[in-house]
């Protein structure tokens, strides 16, 4: 029977770079969830909001699976940048439409 890893092991802590990328990914994901709430409340952007949340879930999970859990892997970084660009484009669309 194998024992569970020790959660207090200092070698398992995230590096500063991994923490920054995790924070960026979490911020973008929470922005997408916020947009989803706004979409349901206002009735606008519903297909985009649902698709963006689903795309982020599959994108982040797939990138982390291929990167073997490394949050500073270039594949995970590209996912974060991709969703950052989607947010910038969305802000541009909304500001241009107002």
PDB file of N, CA and C in Angstrom:
ATOM      1  N   UNK A   1       0.848  -1.177   0.000  1.00  0.00           N
ATOM      2  CA  UNK A   1       0.000   0.000   0.000  1.00  0.00           C
ATOM      3  C   UNK A   1       0.893   1.240   0.000  1.00  0.00           C
ATOM      4  N   UNK A   2       0.631   2.155  -0.889  1.00  0.00           N
ATOM      5  CA  UNK A   2       1.449   3.371  -0.971  1.00  0.00           C
ATOM      6  C   UNK A   2       0.890   4.424  -0.034  1.00  0.00           C
ATOM      7  N   UNK A   3       1.796   5.224   0.492  1.00  0.00           N
ATOM      8  CA  UNK A   3       1.365   6.280   1.395  1.00  0.00           C
ATOM      9  C   UNK A   3       1.093   7.558   0.609  1.00  0.00           C
ATOM     10  N   UNK A   4       0.264   8.383   1.148  1.00  0.00           N
ATOM     11  CA  UNK A   4      -0.055   9.656   0.518  1.00  0.00           C
ATOM     12  C   UNK A   4       1.121  10.609   0.649  1.00  0.00           C
ATOM     13  N   UNK A   5       1.308  11.503  -0.325  1.00  0.00           N
ATOM     14  CA  UNK A   5       2.415  12.465  -0.212  1.00  0.00           C
ATOM     15  C   UNK A   5       2.170  13.440   0.938  1.00  0.00           C
ATOM     16  N   UNK A   6       3.257  13.880   1.520  1.00  0.00           N
ATOM     17  CA  UNK A   6       3.183  14.809   2.645  1.00  0.00           C
ATOM     18  C   UNK A   6       2.880  16.219   2.134  1.00  0.00           C
ATOM     19  N   UNK A   7       1.721  16.811   2.513  1.00  0.00           N
ATOM     20  CA  UNK A   7       1.397  18.155   2.009  1.00  0.00           C
ATOM     21  C   UNK A   7       2.273  19.255   2.586  1.00  0.00           C
ATOM     22  N   UNK A   8       3.021  18.967   3.645  1.00  0.00           N
ATOM     23  CA  UNK A   8       3.898  19.980   4.242  1.00  0.00           C
ATOM     24  C   UNK A   8       5.309  19.922   3.680  1.00  0.00           C
ATOM     25  N   UNK A   9       5.533  19.065   2.686  1.00  0.00           N
ATOM     26  CA  UNK A   9       6.857  18.935   2.079  1.00  0.00           C
ATOM     27  C   UNK A   9       7.203  20.219   1.322  1.00  0.00           C
ATOM     28  N   UNK A  10       8.282  20.932   1.690  1.00  0.00           N
ATOM     29  CA  UNK A  10       8.600  22.201   1.032  1.00  0.00           C
ATOM     30  C   UNK A  10       9.020  22.049  -0.423  1.00  0.00           C
ATOM     31  N   UNK A  11       9.405  20.855  -0.844  1.00  0.00           N
ATOM     32  CA  UNK A  11       9.793  20.675  -2.243  1.00  0.00           C
ATOM     33  C   UNK A  11       8.582  20.680  -3.175  1.00  0.00           C
ATOM     34  N   UNK A  12       7.374  20.573  -2.636  1.00  0.00           N
ATOM     35  CA  UNK A  12       6.155  20.553  -3.444  1.00  0.00           C
ATOM     36  C   UNK A  12       5.501  21.925  -3.559  1.00  0.00           C
ATOM     37  N   UNK A  13       6.118  22.956  -3.024  1.00  0.00           N
ATOM     38  CA  UNK A  13       5.538  24.297  -3.094  1.00  0.00           C
ATOM     39  C   UNK A  13       5.677  24.855  -4.508  1.00  0.00           C
ATOM     40  N   UNK A  14       4.750  25.748  -4.859  1.00  0.00           N
ATOM     41  CA  UNK A  14       4.797  26.388  -6.168  1.00  0.00           C
ATOM     42  C   UNK A  14       5.888  27.453  -6.197  1.00  0.00           C
ATOM     43  N   UNK A  15       6.523  27.578  -7.353  1.00  0.00           N
ATOM     44  CA  UNK A  15       7.496  28.652  -7.521  1.00  0.00           C
ATOM     45  C   UNK A  15       6.742  29.961  -7.733  1.00  0.00           C
ATOM     46  N   UNK A  16       7.465  31.068  -7.699  1.00  0.00           N
ATOM     47  CA  UNK A  16       6.810  32.368  -7.903  1.00  0.00           C
ATOM     48  C   UNK A  16       6.216  32.473  -9.296  1.00  0.00           C
ATOM     49  N   UNK A  17       6.909  31.932 -10.289  1.00  0.00           N
ATOM     50  CA  UNK A  17       6.396  31.979 -11.657  1.00  0.00           C
ATOM     51  C   UNK A  17       5.120  31.148 -11.793  1.00  0.00           C
ATOM     52  N   UNK A  18       5.100  29.967 -11.184  1.00  0.00           N
ATOM     53  CA  UNK A  18       3.898  29.143 -11.217  1.00  0.00           C
ATOM     54  C   UNK A  18       2.733  29.834 -10.509  1.00  0.00           C
ATOM     55  N   UNK A  19       3.028  30.513  -9.411  1.00  0.00           N
ATOM     56  CA  UNK A  19       1.980  31.225  -8.681  1.00  0.00           C
ATOM     57  C   UNK A  19       1.403  32.355  -9.521  1.00  0.00           C
ATOM     58  N   UNK A  20       2.258  33.091 -10.225  1.00  0.00           N
ATOM     59  CA  UNK A  20       1.770  34.183 -11.084  1.00  0.00           C
ATOM     60  C   UNK A  20       0.867  33.662 -12.190  1.00  0.00           C
ATOM     61  N   UNK A  21       1.265  32.583 -12.860  1.00  0.00           N
ATOM     62  CA  UNK A  21       0.454  32.040 -13.950  1.00  0.00           C
ATOM     63  C   UNK A  21      -0.841  31.437 -13.430  1.00  0.00           C
ATOM     64  N   UNK A  22      -0.794  30.822 -12.255  1.00  0.00           N
ATOM     65  CA  UNK A  22      -2.025  30.287 -11.660  1.00  0.00           C
ATOM     66  C   UNK A  22      -2.982  31.419 -11.308  1.00  0.00           C
ATOM     67  N   UNK A  23      -2.447  32.524 -10.780  1.00  0.00           N
ATOM     68  CA  UNK A  23      -3.283  33.681 -10.445  1.00  0.00           C
ATOM     69  C   UNK A  23      -3.903  34.279 -11.706  1.00  0.00           C
ATOM     70  N   UNK A  24      -3.108  34.373 -12.775  1.00  0.00           N
ATOM     71  CA  UNK A  24      -3.631  34.919 -14.031  1.00  0.00           C
ATOM     72  C   UNK A  24      -4.735  34.026 -14.590  1.00  0.00           C
ATOM     73  N   UNK A  25      -4.532  32.713 -14.548  1.00  0.00           N
ATOM     74  CA  UNK A  25      -5.550  31.787 -15.048  1.00  0.00           C
ATOM     75  C   UNK A  25      -6.818  31.862 -14.202  1.00  0.00           C
ATOM     76  N   UNK A  26      -6.658  31.938 -12.890  1.00  0.00           N
ATOM     77  CA  UNK A  26      -7.828  32.020 -12.013  1.00  0.00           C
ATOM     78  C   UNK A  26      -8.580  33.332 -12.229  1.00  0.00           C
ATOM     79  N   UNK A  27      -7.861  34.420 -12.438  1.00  0.00           N
ATOM     80  CA  UNK A  27      -8.499  35.713 -12.685  1.00  0.00           C
ATOM     81  C   UNK A  27      -9.306  35.683 -13.972  1.00  0.00           C
ATOM     82  N   UNK A  28      -8.732  35.110 -15.028  1.00  0.00           N
ATOM     83  CA  UNK A  28      -9.455  35.016 -16.295  1.00  0.00           C
ATOM     84  C   UNK A  28     -10.660  34.094 -16.182  1.00  0.00           C
ATOM     85  N   UNK A  29     -10.520  33.006 -15.445  1.00  0.00           N
ATOM     86  CA  UNK A  29     -11.645  32.091 -15.281  1.00  0.00           C
ATOM     87  C   UNK A  29     -12.773  32.754 -14.494  1.00  0.00           C
ATOM     88  N   UNK A  30     -12.434  33.479 -13.450  1.00  0.00           N
ATOM     89  CA  UNK A  30     -13.468  34.171 -12.681  1.00  0.00           C
ATOM     90  C   UNK A  30     -14.110  35.290 -13.491  1.00  0.00           C
ATOM     91  N   UNK A  31     -13.349  35.920 -14.380  1.00  0.00           N
ATOM     92  CA  UNK A  31     -13.934  36.910 -15.289  1.00  0.00           C
ATOM     93  C   UNK A  31     -14.948  36.252 -16.213  1.00  0.00           C
ATOM     94  N   UNK A  32     -14.622  35.062 -16.697  1.00  0.00           N
ATOM     95  CA  UNK A  32     -15.540  34.331 -17.572  1.00  0.00           C
ATOM     96  C   UNK A  32     -16.809  33.927 -16.819  1.00  0.00           C
ATOM     97  N   UNK A  33     -16.663  33.508 -15.583  1.00  0.00           N
ATOM     98  CA  UNK A  33     -17.826  33.150 -14.779  1.00  0.00           C
ATOM     99  C   UNK A  33     -18.665  34.396 -14.489  1.00  0.00           C
ATOM    100  N   UNK A  34     -18.014  35.517 -14.236  1.00  0.00           N
ATOM    101  CA  UNK A  34     -18.741  36.775 -14.042  1.00  0.00           C
ATOM    102  C   UNK A  34     -19.499  37.187 -15.284  1.00  0.00           C
ATOM    103  N   UNK A  35     -18.871  37.024 -16.457  1.00  0.00           N
ATOM    104  CA  UNK A  35     -19.554  37.317 -17.712  1.00  0.00           C
ATOM    105  C   UNK A  35     -20.739  36.384 -17.909  1.00  0.00           C
ATOM    106  N   UNK A  36     -20.590  35.141 -17.501  1.00  0.00           N
ATOM    107  CA  UNK A  36     -21.688  34.190 -17.606  1.00  0.00           C
ATOM    108  C   UNK A  36     -22.868  34.632 -16.740  1.00  0.00           C
ATOM    109  N   UNK A  37     -22.577  35.100 -15.535  1.00  0.00           N
ATOM    110  CA  UNK A  37     -23.646  35.622 -14.681  1.00  0.00           C
ATOM    111  C   UNK A  37     -24.317  36.837 -15.287  1.00  0.00           C
ATOM    112  N   UNK A  38     -23.520  37.740 -15.840  1.00  0.00           N
ATOM    113  CA  UNK A  38     -24.076  38.923 -16.500  1.00  0.00           C
ATOM    114  C   UNK A  38     -24.901  38.522 -17.718  1.00  0.00           C
ATOM    115  N   UNK A  39     -24.418  37.535 -18.464  1.00  0.00           N
ATOM    116  CA  UNK A  39     -25.133  37.091 -19.665  1.00  0.00           C
ATOM    117  C   UNK A  39     -26.501  36.529 -19.307  1.00  0.00           C
ATOM    118  N   UNK A  40     -26.563  35.726 -18.266  1.00  0.00           N
ATOM    119  CA  UNK A  40     -27.858  35.172 -17.869  1.00  0.00           C
ATOM    120  C   UNK A  40     -28.781  36.250 -17.317  1.00  0.00           C
ATOM    121  N   UNK A  41     -28.226  37.238 -16.636  1.00  0.00           N
ATOM    122  CA  UNK A  41     -29.058  38.305 -16.075  1.00  0.00           C
ATOM    123  C   UNK A  41     -29.593  39.236 -17.159  1.00  0.00           C
ATOM    124  N   UNK A  42     -28.780  39.509 -18.177  1.00  0.00           N
ATOM    125  CA  UNK A  42     -29.189  40.476 -19.196  1.00  0.00           C
ATOM    126  C   UNK A  42     -29.732  39.838 -20.465  1.00  0.00           C
ATOM    127  N   UNK A  43     -29.421  38.578 -20.692  1.00  0.00           N
ATOM    128  CA  UNK A  43     -29.875  37.907 -21.900  1.00  0.00           C
ATOM    129  C   UNK A  43     -28.983  38.140 -23.098  1.00  0.00           C
ATOM    130  N   UNK A  44     -27.854  38.799 -22.917  1.00  0.00           N
ATOM    131  CA  UNK A  44     -26.916  39.063 -24.013  1.00  0.00           C
ATOM    132  C   UNK A  44     -25.665  38.205 -23.828  1.00  0.00           C
ATOM    133  N   UNK A  45     -25.026  37.859 -24.921  1.00  0.00           N
ATOM    134  CA  UNK A  45     -23.762  37.105 -24.919  1.00  0.00           C
ATOM    135  C   UNK A  45     -23.880  35.702 -24.331  1.00  0.00           C
ATOM    136  N   UNK A  46     -25.063  35.136 -24.235  1.00  0.00           N
ATOM    137  CA  UNK A  46     -25.208  33.828 -23.582  1.00  0.00           C
ATOM    138  C   UNK A  46     -24.398  32.737 -24.284  1.00  0.00           C
ATOM    139  N   UNK A  47     -24.494  32.574 -25.613  1.00  0.00           N
ATOM    140  CA  UNK A  47     -23.686  31.502 -26.236  1.00  0.00           C
ATOM    141  C   UNK A  47     -22.179  31.716 -26.066  1.00  0.00           C
ATOM    142  N   UNK A  48     -21.729  32.967 -26.200  1.00  0.00           N
ATOM    143  CA  UNK A  48     -20.308  33.252 -26.024  1.00  0.00           C
ATOM    144  C   UNK A  48     -19.866  32.966 -24.592  1.00  0.00           C
ATOM    145  N   UNK A  49     -20.664  33.397 -23.622  1.00  0.00           N
ATOM    146  CA  UNK A  49     -20.289  33.234 -22.217  1.00  0.00           C
ATOM    147  C   UNK A  49     -20.211  31.763 -21.835  1.00  0.00           C
ATOM    148  N   UNK A  50     -21.170  30.970 -22.282  1.00  0.00           N
ATOM    149  CA  UNK A  50     -21.142  29.537 -21.983  1.00  0.00           C
ATOM    150  C   UNK A  50     -19.942  28.890 -22.671  1.00  0.00           C
ATOM    151  N   UNK A  51     -19.742  29.219 -23.931  1.00  0.00           N
ATOM    152  CA  UNK A  51     -18.629  28.637 -24.677  1.00  0.00           C
ATOM    153  C   UNK A  51     -17.277  29.006 -24.111  1.00  0.00           C
ATOM    154  N   UNK A  52     -17.150  30.238 -23.638  1.00  0.00           N
ATOM    155  CA  UNK A  52     -15.864  30.680 -23.104  1.00  0.00           C
ATOM    156  C   UNK A  52     -15.508  29.945 -21.820  1.00  0.00           C
ATOM    157  N   UNK A  53     -16.499  29.742 -20.950  1.00  0.00           N
ATOM    158  CA  UNK A  53     -16.240  29.002 -19.702  1.00  0.00           C
ATOM    159  C   UNK A  53     -15.868  27.555 -20.018  1.00  0.00           C
ATOM    160  N   UNK A  54     -16.609  26.922 -20.921  1.00  0.00           N
ATOM    161  CA  UNK A  54     -16.325  25.529 -21.279  1.00  0.00           C
ATOM    162  C   UNK A  54     -14.952  25.425 -21.959  1.00  0.00           C
ATOM    163  N   UNK A  55     -14.654  26.357 -22.850  1.00  0.00           N
ATOM    164  CA  UNK A  55     -13.354  26.359 -23.520  1.00  0.00           C
ATOM    165  C   UNK A  55     -12.213  26.512 -22.515  1.00  0.00           C
ATOM    166  N   UNK A  56     -12.399  27.362 -21.521  1.00  0.00           N
ATOM    167  CA  UNK A  56     -11.357  27.524 -20.506  1.00  0.00           C
ATOM    168  C   UNK A  56     -11.178  26.247 -19.696  1.00  0.00           C
ATOM    169  N   UNK A  57     -12.281  25.629 -19.304  1.00  0.00           N
ATOM    170  CA  UNK A  57     -12.156  24.402 -18.508  1.00  0.00           C
ATOM    171  C   UNK A  57     -11.389  23.334 -19.265  1.00  0.00           C
ATOM    172  N   UNK A  58     -11.789  23.063 -20.517  1.00  0.00           N
ATOM    173  CA  UNK A  58     -11.098  22.038 -21.286  1.00  0.00           C
ATOM    174  C   UNK A  58      -9.679  22.462 -21.652  1.00  0.00           C
ATOM    175  N   UNK A  59      -9.475  23.733 -21.934  1.00  0.00           N
ATOM    176  CA  UNK A  59      -8.146  24.215 -22.293  1.00  0.00           C
ATOM    177  C   UNK A  59      -7.164  24.125 -21.143  1.00  0.00           C
ATOM    178  N   UNK A  60      -7.566  24.587 -19.968  1.00  0.00           N
ATOM    179  CA  UNK A  60      -6.667  24.539 -18.817  1.00  0.00           C
ATOM    180  C   UNK A  60      -6.387  23.106 -18.381  1.00  0.00           C
ATOM    181  N   UNK A  61      -7.417  22.274 -18.348  1.00  0.00           N
ATOM    182  CA  UNK A  61      -7.213  20.882 -17.931  1.00  0.00           C
ATOM    183  C   UNK A  61      -6.322  20.152 -18.927  1.00  0.00           C
ATOM    184  N   UNK A  62      -6.583  20.348 -20.216  1.00  0.00           N
ATOM    185  CA  UNK A  62      -5.750  19.695 -21.227  1.00  0.00           C
ATOM    186  C   UNK A  62      -4.309  20.173 -21.190  1.00  0.00           C
ATOM    187  N   UNK A  63      -4.116  21.473 -21.025  1.00  0.00           N
ATOM    188  CA  UNK A  63      -2.757  22.014 -20.966  1.00  0.00           C
ATOM    189  C   UNK A  63      -2.020  21.498 -19.734  1.00  0.00           C
ATOM    190  N   UNK A  64      -2.701  21.438 -18.606  1.00  0.00           N
ATOM    191  CA  UNK A  64      -2.058  20.932 -17.390  1.00  0.00           C
ATOM    192  C   UNK A  64      -1.754  19.439 -17.503  1.00  0.00           C
ATOM    193  N   UNK A  65      -2.613  18.714 -18.185  1.00  0.00           N
ATOM    194  CA  UNK A  65      -2.367  17.283 -18.364  1.00  0.00           C
ATOM    195  C   UNK A  65      -1.121  17.056 -19.231  1.00  0.00           C
ATOM    196  N   UNK A  66      -1.012  17.793 -20.325  1.00  0.00           N
ATOM    197  CA  UNK A  66       0.162  17.648 -21.187  1.00  0.00           C
ATOM    198  C   UNK A  66       1.423  18.197 -20.532  1.00  0.00           C
ATOM    199  N   UNK A  67       1.270  19.205 -19.677  1.00  0.00           N
ATOM    200  CA  UNK A  67       2.422  19.814 -19.005  1.00  0.00           C
ATOM    201  C   UNK A  67       2.786  19.079 -17.718  1.00  0.00           C
ATOM    202  N   UNK A  68       2.105  17.996 -17.419  1.00  0.00           N
ATOM    203  CA  UNK A  68       2.348  17.213 -16.201  1.00  0.00           C
ATOM    204  C   UNK A  68       2.208  18.058 -14.940  1.00  0.00           C
ATOM    205  N   UNK A  69       1.225  18.957 -14.939  1.00  0.00           N
ATOM    206  CA  UNK A  69       0.929  19.747 -13.750  1.00  0.00           C
ATOM    207  C   UNK A  69       1.785  20.982 -13.551  1.00  0.00           C
ATOM    208  N   UNK A  70       2.673  21.280 -14.484  1.00  0.00           N
ATOM    209  CA  UNK A  70       3.556  22.436 -14.348  1.00  0.00           C
ATOM    210  C   UNK A  70       2.826  23.698 -14.814  1.00  0.00           C
ATOM    211  N   UNK A  71       2.556  24.600 -13.879  1.00  0.00           N
ATOM    212  CA  UNK A  71       1.835  25.825 -14.197  1.00  0.00           C
ATOM    213  C   UNK A  71       2.693  26.840 -14.937  1.00  0.00           C
ATOM    214  N   UNK A  72       3.986  26.616 -15.012  1.00  0.00           N
ATOM    215  CA  UNK A  72       4.873  27.531 -15.736  1.00  0.00           C
ATOM    216  C   UNK A  72       5.292  26.945 -17.083  1.00  0.00           C
ATOM    217  N   UNK A  73       4.630  25.885 -17.514  1.00  0.00           N
ATOM    218  CA  UNK A  73       4.940  25.268 -18.802  1.00  0.00           C
ATOM    219  C   UNK A  73       4.452  26.180 -19.934  1.00  0.00           C
ATOM    220  N   UNK A  74       5.183  26.257 -21.038  1.00  0.00           N
ATOM    221  CA  UNK A  74       4.772  27.136 -22.142  1.00  0.00           C
ATOM    222  C   UNK A  74       3.375  26.843 -22.686  1.00  0.00           C
ATOM    223  N   UNK A  75       2.941  25.595 -22.651  1.00  0.00           N
ATOM    224  CA  UNK A  75       1.606  25.262 -23.133  1.00  0.00           C
ATOM    225  C   UNK A  75       0.527  25.880 -22.238  1.00  0.00           C
ATOM    226  N   UNK A  76       0.736  25.821 -20.929  1.00  0.00           N
ATOM    227  CA  UNK A  76      -0.224  26.431 -20.010  1.00  0.00           C
ATOM    228  C   UNK A  76      -0.186  27.956 -20.140  1.00  0.00           C
ATOM    229  N   UNK A  77       1.008  28.511 -20.311  1.00  0.00           N
ATOM    230  CA  UNK A  77       1.129  29.961 -20.495  1.00  0.00           C
ATOM    231  C   UNK A  77       0.394  30.409 -21.750  1.00  0.00           C
ATOM    232  N   UNK A  78       0.486  29.617 -22.814  1.00  0.00           N
ATOM    233  CA  UNK A  78      -0.209  29.992 -24.051  1.00  0.00           C
ATOM    234  C   UNK A  78      -1.716  29.941 -23.871  1.00  0.00           C
ATOM    235  N   UNK A  79      -2.215  29.024 -23.059  1.00  0.00           N
ATOM    236  CA  UNK A  79      -3.653  28.986 -22.771  1.00  0.00           C
ATOM    237  C   UNK A  79      -4.081  30.254 -22.035  1.00  0.00           C
ATOM    238  N   UNK A  80      -3.286  30.666 -21.072  1.00  0.00           N
ATOM    239  CA  UNK A  80      -3.611  31.878 -20.319  1.00  0.00           C
ATOM    240  C   UNK A  80      -3.590  33.096 -21.241  1.00  0.00           C
ATOM    241  N   UNK A  81      -2.580  33.180 -22.097  1.00  0.00           N
ATOM    242  CA  UNK A  81      -2.490  34.313 -23.028  1.00  0.00           C
ATOM    243  C   UNK A  81      -3.639  34.293 -24.032  1.00  0.00           C
ATOM    244  N   UNK A  82      -4.036  33.118 -24.485  1.00  0.00           N
ATOM    245  CA  UNK A  82      -5.152  32.989 -25.416  1.00  0.00           C
ATOM    246  C   UNK A  82      -6.434  33.539 -24.805  1.00  0.00           C
ATOM    247  N   UNK A  83      -6.695  33.185 -23.564  1.00  0.00           N
ATOM    248  CA  UNK A  83      -7.913  33.664 -22.910  1.00  0.00           C
ATOM    249  C   UNK A  83      -7.792  35.140 -22.533  1.00  0.00           C
ATOM    250  N   UNK A  84      -6.576  35.601 -22.297  1.00  0.00           N
ATOM    251  CA  UNK A  84      -6.371  37.039 -22.086  1.00  0.00           C
ATOM    252  C   UNK A  84      -6.707  37.833 -23.336  1.00  0.00           C
ATOM    253  N   UNK A  85      -6.295  37.307 -24.494  1.00  0.00           N
ATOM    254  CA  UNK A  85      -6.631  37.980 -25.758  1.00  0.00           C
ATOM    255  C   UNK A  85      -8.133  37.956 -26.014  1.00  0.00           C
ATOM    256  N   UNK A  86      -8.787  36.855 -25.660  1.00  0.00           N
ATOM    257  CA  UNK A  86     -10.244  36.784 -25.823  1.00  0.00           C
ATOM    258  C   UNK A  86     -10.929  37.840 -24.955  1.00  0.00           C
ATOM    259  N   UNK A  87     -10.421  38.047 -23.746  1.00  0.00           N
ATOM    260  CA  UNK A  87     -10.999  39.073 -22.868  1.00  0.00           C
ATOM    261  C   UNK A  87     -10.784  40.466 -23.446  1.00  0.00           C
ATOM    262  N   UNK A  88      -9.605  40.736 -23.981  1.00  0.00           N
ATOM    263  CA  UNK A  88      -9.328  42.036 -24.589  1.00  0.00           C
ATOM    264  C   UNK A  88     -10.233  42.266 -25.798  1.00  0.00           C
ATOM    265  N   UNK A  89     -10.419  41.249 -26.621  1.00  0.00           N
ATOM    266  CA  UNK A  89     -11.312  41.378 -27.771  1.00  0.00           C
ATOM    267  C   UNK A  89     -12.751  41.599 -27.342  1.00  0.00           C
ATOM    268  N   UNK A  90     -13.173  40.922 -26.289  1.00  0.00           N
ATOM    269  CA  UNK A  90     -14.527  41.119 -25.771  1.00  0.00           C
ATOM    270  C   UNK A  90     -14.716  42.543 -25.252  1.00  0.00           C
ATOM    271  N   UNK A  91     -13.732  43.043 -24.530  1.00  0.00           N
ATOM    272  CA  UNK A  91     -13.822  44.430 -24.034  1.00  0.00           C
ATOM    273  C   UNK A  91     -13.871  45.389 -25.209  1.00  0.00           C
ATOM    274  N   UNK A  92     -13.083  45.123 -26.249  1.00  0.00           N
ATOM    275  CA  UNK A  92     -13.120  45.965 -27.438  1.00  0.00           C
ATOM    276  C   UNK A  92     -14.479  45.949 -28.119  1.00  0.00           C
ATOM    277  N   UNK A  93     -15.096  44.791 -28.218  1.00  0.00           N
ATOM    278  CA  UNK A  93     -16.430  44.682 -28.822  1.00  0.00           C
ATOM    279  C   UNK A  93     -17.474  45.436 -28.026  1.00  0.00           C
ATOM    280  N   UNK A  94     -17.436  45.271 -26.719  1.00  0.00           N
ATOM    281  CA  UNK A  94     -18.437  45.919 -25.867  1.00  0.00           C
ATOM    282  C   UNK A  94     -18.243  47.429 -25.875  1.00  0.00           C
ATOM    283  N   UNK A  95     -17.002  47.896 -25.817  1.00  0.00           N
ATOM    284  CA  UNK A  95     -16.766  49.335 -25.789  1.00  0.00           C
ATOM    285  C   UNK A  95     -17.086  49.982 -27.143  1.00  0.00           C
ATOM    286  N   UNK A  96     -16.875  49.254 -28.216  1.00  0.00           N
ATOM    287  CA  UNK A  96     -17.200  49.781 -29.531  1.00  0.00           C
ATOM    288  C   UNK A  96     -18.710  49.825 -29.772  1.00  0.00           C
ATOM    289  N   UNK A  97     -19.418  48.885 -29.170  1.00  0.00           N
ATOM    290  CA  UNK A  97     -20.869  48.842 -29.319  1.00  0.00           C
ATOM    291  C   UNK A  97     -21.598  49.851 -28.444  1.00  0.00           C
ATOM    292  N   UNK A  98     -20.950  50.357 -27.427  1.00  0.00           N
ATOM    293  CA  UNK A  98     -21.605  51.305 -26.504  1.00  0.00           C
ATOM    294  C   UNK A  98     -21.628  52.697 -27.055  1.00  0.00           C
TER     295      UNK A  98
END
